[in-house]
C-alpha atoms as a PDB file:
ATOM      1  CA  UNK A   1      12.279  16.593  -4.626  1.00  0.00           C
ATOM      2  CA  UNK A   2      12.607  14.842  -1.137  1.00  0.00           C
ATOM      3  CA  UNK A   3      16.139  13.227  -0.756  1.00  0.00           C
ATOM      4  CA  UNK A   4      16.178  10.433   1.526  1.00  0.00           C
ATOM      5  CA  UNK A   5      18.567   7.302   2.370  1.00  0.00           C
ATOM      6  CA  UNK A   6      16.970   4.668   0.083  1.00  0.00           C
ATOM      7  CA  UNK A   7      17.792   1.888   2.601  1.00  0.00           C
ATOM      8  CA  UNK A   8      17.457  -1.230   3.132  1.00  0.00           C
ATOM      9  CA  UNK A   9      16.059   0.182   6.369  1.00  0.00           C
ATOM     10  CA  UNK A  10      15.481  -2.897   9.343  1.00  0.00           C
ATOM     11  CA  UNK A  11      14.449  -2.172  12.862  1.00  0.00           C
ATOM     12  CA  UNK A  12      14.477  -4.683  15.976  1.00  0.00           C
ATOM     13  CA  UNK A  13      13.337  -4.609  19.686  1.00  0.00           C
ATOM     14  CA  UNK A  14      16.185  -5.222  22.005  1.00  0.00           C
ATOM     15  CA  UNK A  15      15.627  -7.678  25.145  1.00  0.00           C
ATOM     16  CA  UNK A  16      14.989  -4.167  27.088  1.00  0.00           C
ATOM     17  CA  UNK A  17      12.364  -3.293  24.852  1.00  0.00           C
ATOM     18  CA  UNK A  18      14.172  -0.376  23.094  1.00  0.00           C
ATOM     19  CA  UNK A  19      14.158  -0.229  19.441  1.00  0.00           C
ATOM     20  CA  UNK A  20      16.755  -0.021  17.060  1.00  0.00           C
ATOM     21  CA  UNK A  21      16.994   1.622  13.143  1.00  0.00           C
ATOM     22  CA  UNK A  22      19.361   0.199  10.675  1.00  0.00           C
ATOM     23  CA  UNK A  23      19.983   1.721   7.324  1.00  0.00           C
ATOM     24  CA  UNK A  24      21.934   0.638   4.488  1.00  0.00           C
ATOM     25  CA  UNK A  25      24.344  -2.852   4.658  1.00  0.00           C
ATOM     26  CA  UNK A  26      27.682  -2.498   6.172  1.00  0.00           C
ATOM     27  CA  UNK A  27      28.785  -5.292   3.500  1.00  0.00           C
ATOM     28  CA  UNK A  28      28.200  -3.507   0.418  1.00  0.00           C
ATOM     29  CA  UNK A  29      28.345   0.713   1.536  1.00  0.00           C
ATOM     30  CA  UNK A  30      27.017   2.845   4.121  1.00  0.00           C
ATOM     31  CA  UNK A  31      25.580   1.717   7.285  1.00  0.00           C
ATOM     32  CA  UNK A  32      24.005   3.471  10.013  1.00  0.00           C
ATOM     33  CA  UNK A  33      22.442   2.260  13.101  1.00  0.00           C
ATOM     34  CA  UNK A  34      20.406   4.336  15.889  1.00  0.00           C
ATOM     35  CA  UNK A  35      17.881   4.285  18.844  1.00  0.00           C
ATOM     36  CA  UNK A  36      14.632   4.664  17.915  1.00  0.00           C
ATOM     37  CA  UNK A  37      12.225   6.429  20.378  1.00  0.00           C
ATOM     38  CA  UNK A  38       8.882   5.624  19.371  1.00  0.00           C
ATOM     39  CA  UNK A  39       6.645   2.686  19.322  1.00  0.00           C
ATOM     40  CA  UNK A  40       7.220  -0.557  17.170  1.00  0.00           C
ATOM     41  CA  UNK A  41       4.141   0.444  14.916  1.00  0.00           C
ATOM     42  CA  UNK A  42       5.695   3.624  14.079  1.00  0.00           C
ATOM     43  CA  UNK A  43       9.092   1.622  13.367  1.00  0.00           C
ATOM     44  CA  UNK A  44       7.210  -0.659  10.939  1.00  0.00           C
ATOM     45  CA  UNK A  45       5.763   2.636   9.232  1.00  0.00           C
ATOM     46  CA  UNK A  46       9.879   3.999   9.114  1.00  0.00           C
ATOM     47  CA  UNK A  47      11.155   0.971   7.593  1.00  0.00           C
ATOM     48  CA  UNK A  48       8.376   0.639   4.877  1.00  0.00           C
ATOM     49  CA  UNK A  49       8.409   3.838   4.178  1.00  0.00           C
ATOM     50  CA  UNK A  50      10.856   3.556   1.187  1.00  0.00           C
ATOM     51  CA  UNK A  51       8.516   0.951  -0.468  1.00  0.00           C
ATOM     52  CA  UNK A  52       5.650   3.382   0.045  1.00  0.00           C
ATOM     53  CA  UNK A  53       7.004   6.047  -1.757  1.00  0.00           C
ATOM     54  CA  UNK A  54       8.223   3.787  -4.799  1.00  0.00           C
ATOM     55  CA  UNK A  55       4.541   2.574  -4.945  1.00  0.00           C
ATOM     56  CA  UNK A  56       3.130   6.308  -4.844  1.00  0.00           C
ATOM     57  CA  UNK A  57       5.523   7.503  -7.362  1.00  0.00           C
ATOM     58  CA  UNK A  58       4.247   4.433  -9.752  1.00  0.00           C
ATOM     59  CA  UNK A  59       0.676   5.391  -8.770  1.00  0.00           C
ATOM     60  CA  UNK A  60       1.216   8.863 -10.026  1.00  0.00           C
ATOM     61  CA  UNK A  61       2.863   7.871 -13.181  1.00  0.00           C
ATOM     62  CA  UNK A  62      -0.440   5.783 -13.872  1.00  0.00           C
ATOM     63  CA  UNK A  63      -2.960   8.863 -12.610  1.00  0.00           C
ATOM     64  CA  UNK A  64      -1.085  11.083 -15.112  1.00  0.00           C
ATOM     65  CA  UNK A  65      -1.404   8.077 -17.954  1.00  0.00           C
ATOM     66  CA  UNK A  66      -5.040   7.613 -17.330  1.00  0.00           C
ATOM     67  CA  UNK A  67      -5.450  11.348 -17.641  1.00  0.00           C
ATOM     68  CA  UNK A  68      -3.928  11.708 -20.872  1.00  0.00           C
ATOM     69  CA  UNK A  69      -6.003   8.391 -22.325  1.00  0.00           C
END
């Protein structure tokens, strides 16, 4: 099983066009922020990945249920 930081993940674009990624919430626990060296589209995919992973897990369960019926 893959272990990753579940989030919440956010990204932003600075005035100079550079990107940053923030993982976690400093008000409720650990928080990390880093510069991103990728396109804005890639940053959006990175931020969406926890939700995509969750949706894939739900789809996997449904496929297994469908196979049994």
